[in-house]
Amino acid sequence: MAWIGAGAGRRGRRVCRLGSRLFGRLAIALLLVGFGFDPGLAALNAVTDPAPNLPQFLSTLRVSFYHAVDSSKSTEEAIATIRSAFPSSLETWPPVIRAYYAALEGLRGKHARGLGEKLGHVMTAITLMRRLPEDNPGSLEIRFLRFSFFRQLPLFFGVRSTVGPDLETLIGMLEKGSDDDVPPAIRRDMVTYLLDCTEAGRDQLDRLRQVRDLLEAAPDP
């Protein structure tokens, strides 16, 4: 999921291919074991320190997330960083942090060795991510995280019905410049990722190219 950092052209293409390696065997695993749930979620209950500055934390988390795509160690470090910064119950976290946590759970599934463990993390990630865009319709980043995660899952998991609508919504939000919380550089990386994905039709690709041209012409603040 790409779920991207800077320089997403080559990275985006690589992440677009993660699905076949990451989730291809999970459909088989689903026939062998029951749904799992990460018991670590139960540990997120103690209320202690106040939350960090969200824009600054997100800036760091986006970089950590990119490294987590290819590294189990980086995945666990990113999860530990979230839990340390937001030690209260997960339901109280900012929605975008919950979305990144869900995406990181999906990456845990990628890095896990056992099929049962893989399935447990992926099903946890699906549960955490499933309704976040509908509950936070103004968040470009949350919807992008769900799109880039769910599009990689086999039909067997029953979540692909959101992929097409999410893509169209993302393009519309990018065209309108929605969600000021997402910096221009991240928007450009999102567009690069979407242009490399196979779900977009010809008209959608043309619209994305127009958005890309506008973003490239606009100076960073």
C-alpha atoms as a PDB file:
ATOM      1  CA  MET A   1       0.000   0.000   0.000  1.00  0.00           C
ATOM      2  CA  ALA A   2       2.029   2.188  -1.034  1.00  0.00           C
ATOM      3  CA  TRP A   3       0.482   4.284   1.274  1.00  0.00           C
ATOM      4  CA  ILE A   4       3.130   6.403  -0.027  1.00  0.00           C
ATOM      5  CA  GLY A   5       6.136   8.466   0.862  1.00  0.00           C
ATOM      6  CA  ALA A   6       8.185  10.755  -1.334  1.00  0.00           C
ATOM      7  CA  GLY A   7       9.242   9.591  -4.802  1.00  0.00           C
ATOM      8  CA  ALA A   8       6.282   7.286  -5.300  1.00  0.00           C
ATOM      9  CA  GLY A   9       6.753   6.515  -9.007  1.00  0.00           C
ATOM     10  CA  ARG A  10       8.945   3.448  -8.707  1.00  0.00           C
ATOM     11  CA  ARG A  11       7.788   2.688  -5.177  1.00  0.00           C
ATOM     12  CA  GLY A  12       4.138   2.882  -6.152  1.00  0.00           C
ATOM     13  CA  ARG A  13       4.622   0.312  -8.895  1.00  0.00           C
ATOM     14  CA  ARG A  14       6.387  -1.991  -6.489  1.00  0.00           C
ATOM     15  CA  VAL A  15       3.665  -1.668  -3.881  1.00  0.00           C
ATOM     16  CA  CYS A  16       0.949  -2.252  -6.493  1.00  0.00           C
ATOM     17  CA  ARG A  17       2.458  -5.741  -6.862  1.00  0.00           C
ATOM     18  CA  LEU A  18       2.485  -6.521  -3.152  1.00  0.00           C
ATOM     19  CA  GLY A  19      -0.985  -8.040  -3.196  1.00  0.00           C
ATOM     20  CA  SER A  20      -0.077 -11.145  -5.148  1.00  0.00           C
ATOM     21  CA  ARG A  21       2.793 -11.927  -2.779  1.00  0.00           C
ATOM     22  CA  LEU A  22       1.131 -10.774   0.423  1.00  0.00           C
ATOM     23  CA  PHE A  23      -2.382 -12.128   0.295  1.00  0.00           C
ATOM     24  CA  GLY A  24      -2.370 -14.827  -2.366  1.00  0.00           C
ATOM     25  CA  ARG A  25      -2.020 -17.649   0.169  1.00  0.00           C
ATOM     26  CA  LEU A  26      -4.387 -16.162   2.728  1.00  0.00           C
ATOM     27  CA  ALA A  27      -7.470 -17.413   0.907  1.00  0.00           C
ATOM     28  CA  ILE A  28      -6.116 -20.933   1.417  1.00  0.00           C
ATOM     29  CA  ALA A  29      -5.419 -20.185   5.050  1.00  0.00           C
ATOM     30  CA  LEU A  30      -9.012 -19.070   5.533  1.00  0.00           C
ATOM     31  CA  LEU A  31     -10.064 -22.624   4.766  1.00  0.00           C
ATOM     32  CA  LEU A  32      -7.774 -23.953   7.476  1.00  0.00           C
ATOM     33  CA  VAL A  33      -8.233 -21.684  10.485  1.00  0.00           C
ATOM     34  CA  GLY A  34     -10.887 -19.471  12.024  1.00  0.00           C
ATOM     35  CA  PHE A  35     -10.803 -15.700  12.048  1.00  0.00           C
ATOM     36  CA  GLY A  36      -8.163 -14.308  14.399  1.00  0.00           C
ATOM     37  CA  PHE A  37      -7.982 -11.071  16.328  1.00  0.00           C
ATOM     38  CA  ASP A  38      -4.871  -9.377  17.587  1.00  0.00           C
ATOM     39  CA  PRO A  39      -4.846  -9.640  21.408  1.00  0.00           C
ATOM     40  CA  GLY A  40      -2.473  -6.693  21.455  1.00  0.00           C
ATOM     41  CA  LEU A  41      -5.457  -4.426  20.838  1.00  0.00           C
ATOM     42  CA  ALA A  42      -6.702  -5.213  24.326  1.00  0.00           C
ATOM     43  CA  ALA A  43      -3.567  -3.620  25.757  1.00  0.00           C
ATOM     44  CA  LEU A  44      -4.517  -0.145  24.498  1.00  0.00           C
ATOM     45  CA  ASN A  45      -6.579   0.909  27.507  1.00  0.00           C
ATOM     46  CA  ALA A  46      -4.433   2.933  29.927  1.00  0.00           C
ATOM     47  CA  VAL A  47      -4.923   6.694  29.650  1.00  0.00           C
ATOM     48  CA  THR A  48      -1.696   8.546  30.345  1.00  0.00           C
ATOM     49  CA  ASP A  49       0.087  11.268  28.398  1.00  0.00           C
ATOM     50  CA  PRO A  50      -1.688  13.796  26.168  1.00  0.00           C
ATOM     51  CA  ALA A  51      -1.648  13.180  22.428  1.00  0.00           C
ATOM     52  CA  PRO A  52       1.220  14.633  20.365  1.00  0.00           C
ATOM     53  CA  ASN A  53       0.942  17.391  17.793  1.00  0.00           C
ATOM     54  CA  LEU A  54      -0.990  15.560  15.077  1.00  0.00           C
ATOM     55  CA  PRO A  55       0.462  17.200  11.910  1.00  0.00           C
ATOM     56  CA  GLN A  56       4.018  16.673  13.146  1.00  0.00           C
ATOM     57  CA  PHE A  57       3.285  13.109  14.211  1.00  0.00           C
ATOM     58  CA  LEU A  58       1.676  12.322  10.853  1.00  0.00           C
ATOM     59  CA  SER A  59       4.675  13.676   8.987  1.00  0.00           C
ATOM     60  CA  THR A  60       6.926  11.233  10.833  1.00  0.00           C
ATOM     61  CA  LEU A  61       4.437   8.368  10.625  1.00  0.00           C
ATOM     62  CA  ARG A  62       4.157   8.634   6.843  1.00  0.00           C
ATOM     63  CA  VAL A  63       7.907   8.093   6.507  1.00  0.00           C
ATOM     64  CA  SER A  64       7.824   5.212   8.992  1.00  0.00           C
ATOM     65  CA  PHE A  65       4.968   3.638   7.106  1.00  0.00           C
ATOM     66  CA  TYR A  66       6.884   3.649   3.835  1.00  0.00           C
ATOM     67  CA  HIS A  67       9.770   1.781   5.457  1.00  0.00           C
ATOM     68  CA  ALA A  68       7.301  -0.654   7.057  1.00  0.00           C
ATOM     69  CA  VAL A  69       6.131  -1.878   3.648  1.00  0.00           C
ATOM     70  CA  ASP A  70       9.324  -3.897   3.226  1.00  0.00           C
ATOM     71  CA  SER A  71      10.395  -4.450   6.834  1.00  0.00           C
ATOM     72  CA  SER A  72       8.839  -6.368   9.707  1.00  0.00           C
ATOM     73  CA  LYS A  73      11.092  -4.525  12.141  1.00  0.00           C
ATOM     74  CA  SER A  74       9.978  -1.135  10.801  1.00  0.00           C
ATOM     75  CA  THR A  75       6.350  -2.262  10.983  1.00  0.00           C
ATOM     76  CA  GLU A  76       6.654  -3.158  14.661  1.00  0.00           C
ATOM     77  CA  GLU A  77       8.544   0.067  15.391  1.00  0.00           C
ATOM     78  CA  ALA A  78       5.805   2.128  13.731  1.00  0.00           C
ATOM     79  CA  ILE A  79       3.102   0.317  15.716  1.00  0.00           C
ATOM     80  CA  ALA A  80       5.054   0.820  18.937  1.00  0.00           C
ATOM     81  CA  THR A  81       5.404   4.519  18.144  1.00  0.00           C
ATOM     82  CA  ILE A  82       1.645   4.869  17.687  1.00  0.00           C
ATOM     83  CA  ARG A  83       0.888   3.003  20.887  1.00  0.00           C
ATOM     84  CA  SER A  84       3.377   5.108  22.812  1.00  0.00           C
ATOM     85  CA  ALA A  85       2.005   8.376  21.456  1.00  0.00           C
ATOM     86  CA  PHE A  86      -1.647   7.369  21.874  1.00  0.00           C
ATOM     87  CA  PRO A  87      -1.749   5.073  24.919  1.00  0.00           C
ATOM     88  CA  SER A  88      -5.500   5.426  25.501  1.00  0.00           C
ATOM     89  CA  SER A  89      -8.183   3.200  23.984  1.00  0.00           C
ATOM     90  CA  LEU A  90      -7.935   2.828  20.218  1.00  0.00           C
ATOM     91  CA  GLU A  91     -11.461   4.184  19.797  1.00  0.00           C
ATOM     92  CA  THR A  92     -10.276   7.555  21.131  1.00  0.00           C
ATOM     93  CA  TRP A  93      -7.441   7.942  18.620  1.00  0.00           C
ATOM     94  CA  PRO A  94      -7.689  10.414  15.736  1.00  0.00           C
ATOM     95  CA  PRO A  95      -9.327   8.570  12.816  1.00  0.00           C
ATOM     96  CA  VAL A  96      -6.323   8.966  10.535  1.00  0.00           C
ATOM     97  CA  ILE A  97      -4.112   7.342  13.180  1.00  0.00           C
ATOM     98  CA  ARG A  98      -6.559   4.446  13.411  1.00  0.00           C
ATOM     99  CA  ALA A  99      -6.362   4.102   9.638  1.00  0.00           C
ATOM    100  CA  TYR A 100      -2.568   3.931   9.701  1.00  0.00           C
ATOM    101  CA  TYR A 101      -2.714   1.435  12.552  1.00  0.00           C
ATOM    102  CA  ALA A 102      -5.099  -0.719  10.522  1.00  0.00           C
ATOM    103  CA  ALA A 103      -2.793  -0.497   7.503  1.00  0.00           C
ATOM    104  CA  LEU A 104       0.160  -1.508   9.670  1.00  0.00           C
ATOM    105  CA  GLU A 105      -1.825  -4.519  10.893  1.00  0.00           C
ATOM    106  CA  GLY A 106      -2.169  -5.477   7.243  1.00  0.00           C
ATOM    107  CA  LEU A 107       1.586  -5.199   6.854  1.00  0.00           C
ATOM    108  CA  ARG A 108       1.991  -7.410   9.892  1.00  0.00           C
ATOM    109  CA  GLY A 109       0.066  -9.976   7.893  1.00  0.00           C
ATOM    110  CA  LYS A 110       2.517  -9.548   5.025  1.00  0.00           C
ATOM    111  CA  HIS A 111       5.524 -10.084   7.257  1.00  0.00           C
ATOM    112  CA  ALA A 112       4.117 -12.908   9.415  1.00  0.00           C
ATOM    113  CA  ARG A 113       5.439 -16.392   8.681  1.00  0.00           C
ATOM    114  CA  GLY A 114       2.535 -18.624   9.644  1.00  0.00           C
ATOM    115  CA  LEU A 115      -0.641 -18.601   7.559  1.00  0.00           C
ATOM    116  CA  GLY A 116      -2.839 -18.483  10.628  1.00  0.00           C
ATOM    117  CA  GLU A 117      -0.935 -15.497  11.977  1.00  0.00           C
ATOM    118  CA  LYS A 118      -1.118 -13.794   8.589  1.00  0.00           C
ATOM    119  CA  LEU A 119      -4.857 -14.263   8.473  1.00  0.00           C
ATOM    120  CA  GLY A 120      -5.365 -12.993  12.010  1.00  0.00           C
ATOM    121  CA  HIS A 121      -3.573  -9.726  11.296  1.00  0.00           C
ATOM    122  CA  VAL A 122      -5.321  -9.192   7.964  1.00  0.00           C
ATOM    123  CA  MET A 123      -8.774  -9.821   9.402  1.00  0.00           C
ATOM    124  CA  THR A 124      -8.007  -7.431  12.264  1.00  0.00           C
ATOM    125  CA  ALA A 125      -6.874  -4.828   9.738  1.00  0.00           C
ATOM    126  CA  ILE A 126     -10.051  -5.250   7.685  1.00  0.00           C
ATOM    127  CA  THR A 127     -12.224  -4.862  10.775  1.00  0.00           C
ATOM    128  CA  LEU A 128     -10.425  -1.705  11.857  1.00  0.00           C
ATOM    129  CA  MET A 129     -10.367  -0.142   8.390  1.00  0.00           C
ATOM    130  CA  ARG A 130     -13.728  -1.134   6.957  1.00  0.00           C
ATOM    131  CA  ARG A 131     -15.929   1.788   8.040  1.00  0.00           C
ATOM    132  CA  LEU A 132     -13.366   4.528   8.582  1.00  0.00           C
ATOM    133  CA  PRO A 133     -13.849   6.348   5.236  1.00  0.00           C
ATOM    134  CA  GLU A 134     -17.632   6.407   5.616  1.00  0.00           C
ATOM    135  CA  ASP A 135     -17.308   7.673   9.170  1.00  0.00           C
ATOM    136  CA  ASN A 136     -14.790  10.319   8.044  1.00  0.00           C
ATOM    137  CA  PRO A 137     -15.869  11.260   4.509  1.00  0.00           C
ATOM    138  CA  GLY A 138     -13.725  14.390   4.378  1.00  0.00           C
ATOM    139  CA  SER A 139     -10.441  12.538   4.890  1.00  0.00           C
ATOM    140  CA  LEU A 140      -8.533  11.966   1.663  1.00  0.00           C
ATOM    141  CA  GLU A 141      -5.787  10.074   3.481  1.00  0.00           C
ATOM    142  CA  ILE A 142      -8.096   7.597   5.214  1.00  0.00           C
ATOM    143  CA  ARG A 143      -9.877   6.735   1.985  1.00  0.00           C
ATOM    144  CA  PHE A 144      -6.570   6.340   0.186  1.00  0.00           C
ATOM    145  CA  LEU A 145      -5.306   3.970   2.869  1.00  0.00           C
ATOM    146  CA  ARG A 146      -8.397   1.782   2.546  1.00  0.00           C
ATOM    147  CA  PHE A 147      -8.248   1.796  -1.244  1.00  0.00           C
ATOM    148  CA  SER A 148      -4.599   0.842  -1.399  1.00  0.00           C
ATOM    149  CA  PHE A 149      -5.093  -1.934   1.178  1.00  0.00           C
ATOM    150  CA  PHE A 150      -8.388  -3.443   0.021  1.00  0.00           C
ATOM    151  CA  ARG A 151      -7.472  -3.433  -3.670  1.00  0.00           C
ATOM    152  CA  GLN A 152      -4.722  -5.952  -2.916  1.00  0.00           C
ATOM    153  CA  LEU A 153      -6.981  -8.484  -1.217  1.00  0.00           C
ATOM    154  CA  PRO A 154      -8.456 -11.428  -3.135  1.00  0.00           C
ATOM    155  CA  LEU A 155     -12.197 -11.426  -3.797  1.00  0.00           C
ATOM    156  CA  PHE A 156     -12.451 -14.151  -1.173  1.00  0.00           C
ATOM    157  CA  PHE A 157     -12.218 -11.526   1.580  1.00  0.00           C
ATOM    158  CA  GLY A 158     -15.329  -9.730   0.406  1.00  0.00           C
ATOM    159  CA  VAL A 159     -13.979  -6.167   0.518  1.00  0.00           C
ATOM    160  CA  ARG A 160     -13.324  -5.424  -3.144  1.00  0.00           C
ATOM    161  CA  SER A 161     -16.742  -3.798  -3.578  1.00  0.00           C
ATOM    162  CA  THR A 162     -15.303  -0.621  -2.027  1.00  0.00           C
ATOM    163  CA  VAL A 163     -12.376  -0.350  -4.442  1.00  0.00           C
ATOM    164  CA  GLY A 164     -14.152   1.139  -7.457  1.00  0.00           C
ATOM    165  CA  PRO A 165     -16.192   3.684  -5.464  1.00  0.00           C
ATOM    166  CA  ASP A 166     -13.127   4.621  -3.412  1.00  0.00           C
ATOM    167  CA  LEU A 167     -11.118   5.244  -6.562  1.00  0.00           C
ATOM    168  CA  GLU A 168     -13.777   7.529  -8.008  1.00  0.00           C
ATOM    169  CA  THR A 169     -14.145   9.366  -4.703  1.00  0.00           C
ATOM    170  CA  LEU A 170     -10.373   9.804  -4.419  1.00  0.00           C
ATOM    171  CA  ILE A 171     -10.138  11.280  -7.904  1.00  0.00           C
ATOM    172  CA  GLY A 172     -12.991  13.674  -7.147  1.00  0.00           C
ATOM    173  CA  MET A 173     -11.390  14.775  -3.883  1.00  0.00           C
ATOM    174  CA  LEU A 174      -8.041  15.310  -5.587  1.00  0.00           C
ATOM    175  CA  GLU A 175      -9.686  17.335  -8.342  1.00  0.00           C
ATOM    176  CA  LYS A 176     -11.403  19.548  -5.780  1.00  0.00           C
ATOM    177  CA  GLY A 177      -8.327  19.899  -3.581  1.00  0.00           C
ATOM    178  CA  SER A 178     -10.255  18.443  -0.649  1.00  0.00           C
ATOM    179  CA  ASP A 179      -8.672  17.876   2.766  1.00  0.00           C
ATOM    180  CA  ASP A 180      -6.117  20.551   3.571  1.00  0.00           C
ATOM    181  CA  ASP A 181      -4.481  18.188   6.066  1.00  0.00           C
ATOM    182  CA  VAL A 182      -2.754  16.313   3.221  1.00  0.00           C
ATOM    183  CA  PRO A 183       0.354  18.181   1.956  1.00  0.00           C
ATOM    184  CA  PRO A 184       0.831  18.739  -1.797  1.00  0.00           C
ATOM    185  CA  ALA A 185       3.800  16.356  -1.907  1.00  0.00           C
ATOM    186  CA  ILE A 186       1.661  13.536  -0.504  1.00  0.00           C
ATOM    187  CA  ARG A 187      -1.108  14.353  -2.996  1.00  0.00           C
ATOM    188  CA  ARG A 188       1.383  14.063  -5.829  1.00  0.00           C
ATOM    189  CA  ASP A 189       2.503  10.678  -4.545  1.00  0.00           C
ATOM    190  CA  MET A 190      -1.115   9.552  -4.282  1.00  0.00           C
ATOM    191  CA  VAL A 191      -1.751  10.530  -7.895  1.00  0.00           C
ATOM    192  CA  THR A 192       1.388   8.692  -9.020  1.00  0.00           C
ATOM    193  CA  TYR A 193       0.224   5.570  -7.209  1.00  0.00           C
ATOM    194  CA  LEU A 194      -3.275   5.758  -8.672  1.00  0.00           C
ATOM    195  CA  LEU A 195      -1.896   6.205 -12.186  1.00  0.00           C
ATOM    196  CA  ASP A 196       0.093   2.974 -11.746  1.00  0.00           C
ATOM    197  CA  CYS A 197      -2.890   0.934 -10.563  1.00  0.00           C
ATOM    198  CA  THR A 198      -4.948  -1.136 -12.961  1.00  0.00           C
ATOM    199  CA  GLU A 199      -8.427  -0.289 -11.704  1.00  0.00           C
ATOM    200  CA  ALA A 200      -8.601   3.168 -13.304  1.00  0.00           C
ATOM    201  CA  GLY A 201     -10.392   3.509 -16.622  1.00  0.00           C
ATOM    202  CA  ARG A 202      -9.285   5.748 -19.476  1.00  0.00           C
ATOM    203  CA  ASP A 203     -11.372   8.733 -18.375  1.00  0.00           C
ATOM    204  CA  GLN A 204     -10.151   8.384 -14.802  1.00  0.00           C
ATOM    205  CA  LEU A 205      -6.551   8.219 -15.956  1.00  0.00           C
ATOM    206  CA  ASP A 206      -7.046  11.397 -17.991  1.00  0.00           C
ATOM    207  CA  ARG A 207      -8.478  13.146 -14.937  1.00  0.00           C
ATOM    208  CA  LEU A 208      -5.592  11.958 -12.783  1.00  0.00           C
ATOM    209  CA  ARG A 209      -3.076  13.271 -15.300  1.00  0.00           C
ATOM    210  CA  GLN A 210      -4.762  16.655 -15.181  1.00  0.00           C
ATOM    211  CA  VAL A 211      -4.557  16.642 -11.392  1.00  0.00           C
ATOM    212  CA  ARG A 212      -0.905  15.606 -11.601  1.00  0.00           C
ATOM    213  CA  ASP A 213      -0.116  18.480 -13.960  1.00  0.00           C
ATOM    214  CA  LEU A 214      -1.812  20.989 -11.668  1.00  0.00           C
ATOM    215  CA  LEU A 215       0.006  19.664  -8.600  1.00  0.00           C
ATOM    216  CA  GLU A 216       3.365  19.690 -10.355  1.00  0.00           C
ATOM    217  CA  ALA A 217       2.828  23.282 -11.454  1.00  0.00           C
ATOM    218  CA  ALA A 218       1.865  24.450  -7.979  1.00  0.00           C
ATOM    219  CA  PRO A 219       4.725  25.401  -5.622  1.00  0.00           C
ATOM    220  CA  ASP A 220       4.958  23.708  -2.268  1.00  0.00           C
ATOM    221  CA  PRO A 221       3.914  25.983   0.617  1.00  0.00           C
END
